[in-house]
Amino acid sequence: LLDQIPKDNLNKLLQRKIVMNAIINKGSNKEFIRLLKAKADKMDADRKWNKV
């Protein structure tokens, strides 16, 4: 099933889930920021690897 979803859509779903979780747990802004940074770092790493 996951293979049928384009990666971009999967990332958007993941981001939406993270945002929803952040809204629900308003106190966890630090965790939210940490997740966003981790995601950005991972996307940068993926980009570097894909440019072989």
C-alpha atoms as a PDB file:
ATOM      1  CA  LEU A   1       0.000   0.000   0.000  1.00  0.00           C
ATOM      2  CA  LEU A   2       2.774   2.449   0.906  1.00  0.00           C
ATOM      3  CA  ASP A   3       4.468   1.739  -2.424  1.00  0.00           C
ATOM      4  CA  GLN A   4       1.371   3.081  -4.184  1.00  0.00           C
ATOM      5  CA  ILE A   5       1.656   6.469  -2.479  1.00  0.00           C
ATOM      6  CA  PRO A   6       4.145   8.835  -4.136  1.00  0.00           C
ATOM      7  CA  LYS A   7       6.954   9.780  -1.747  1.00  0.00           C
ATOM      8  CA  ASP A   8       5.978  13.469  -1.834  1.00  0.00           C
ATOM      9  CA  ASN A   9       2.448  12.630  -0.678  1.00  0.00           C
ATOM     10  CA  LEU A  10       3.870  10.417   2.060  1.00  0.00           C
ATOM     11  CA  ASN A  11       6.070  13.298   3.256  1.00  0.00           C
ATOM     12  CA  LYS A  12       3.082  15.657   3.227  1.00  0.00           C
ATOM     13  CA  LEU A  13       1.012  13.183   5.238  1.00  0.00           C
ATOM     14  CA  LEU A  14       3.885  12.819   7.694  1.00  0.00           C
ATOM     15  CA  GLN A  15       4.256  16.596   8.023  1.00  0.00           C
ATOM     16  CA  ARG A  16       0.508  17.001   8.533  1.00  0.00           C
ATOM     17  CA  LYS A  17       0.590  14.338  11.253  1.00  0.00           C
ATOM     18  CA  ILE A  18       3.508  16.100  12.961  1.00  0.00           C
ATOM     19  CA  VAL A  19       1.672  19.432  12.763  1.00  0.00           C
ATOM     20  CA  MET A  20      -1.553  17.918  14.115  1.00  0.00           C
ATOM     21  CA  ASN A  21       0.374  16.313  16.977  1.00  0.00           C
ATOM     22  CA  ALA A  22       2.025  19.649  17.732  1.00  0.00           C
ATOM     23  CA  ILE A  23      -1.355  21.403  17.808  1.00  0.00           C
ATOM     24  CA  ILE A  24      -2.815  18.715  20.085  1.00  0.00           C
ATOM     25  CA  ASN A  25       0.232  18.825  22.405  1.00  0.00           C
ATOM     26  CA  LYS A  26       0.697  22.585  22.502  1.00  0.00           C
ATOM     27  CA  GLY A  27       3.294  22.249  25.236  1.00  0.00           C
ATOM     28  CA  SER A  28       5.682  20.266  23.046  1.00  0.00           C
ATOM     29  CA  ASN A  29       6.886  23.044  20.751  1.00  0.00           C
ATOM     30  CA  LYS A  30      10.515  22.094  21.400  1.00  0.00           C
ATOM     31  CA  GLU A  31       9.786  18.533  20.301  1.00  0.00           C
ATOM     32  CA  PHE A  32       7.974  19.852  17.204  1.00  0.00           C
ATOM     33  CA  ILE A  33      10.941  22.050  16.256  1.00  0.00           C
ATOM     34  CA  ARG A  34      13.326  19.148  16.862  1.00  0.00           C
ATOM     35  CA  LEU A  35      11.263  16.920  14.556  1.00  0.00           C
ATOM     36  CA  LEU A  36      11.185  19.571  11.828  1.00  0.00           C
ATOM     37  CA  LYS A  37      14.958  20.037  12.071  1.00  0.00           C
ATOM     38  CA  ALA A  38      15.521  16.281  11.964  1.00  0.00           C
ATOM     39  CA  LYS A  39      13.259  16.027   8.927  1.00  0.00           C
ATOM     40  CA  ALA A  40      15.055  18.890   7.158  1.00  0.00           C
ATOM     41  CA  ASP A  41      18.431  17.297   7.905  1.00  0.00           C
ATOM     42  CA  LYS A  42      17.220  13.955   6.586  1.00  0.00           C
ATOM     43  CA  MET A  43      15.862  15.561   3.409  1.00  0.00           C
ATOM     44  CA  ASP A  44      19.225  17.294   2.855  1.00  0.00           C
ATOM     45  CA  ALA A  45      21.025  13.989   3.362  1.00  0.00           C
ATOM     46  CA  ASP A  46      18.656  12.223   0.957  1.00  0.00           C
ATOM     47  CA  ARG A  47      19.240  14.945  -1.621  1.00  0.00           C
ATOM     48  CA  LYS A  48      23.023  14.534  -1.343  1.00  0.00           C
ATOM     49  CA  TRP A  49      22.811  10.762  -1.666  1.00  0.00           C
ATOM     50  CA  ASN A  50      20.503  10.983  -4.675  1.00  0.00           C
ATOM     51  CA  LYS A  51      22.932  13.256  -6.542  1.00  0.00           C
ATOM     52  CA  VAL A  52      25.489  10.447  -6.986  1.00  0.00           C
END
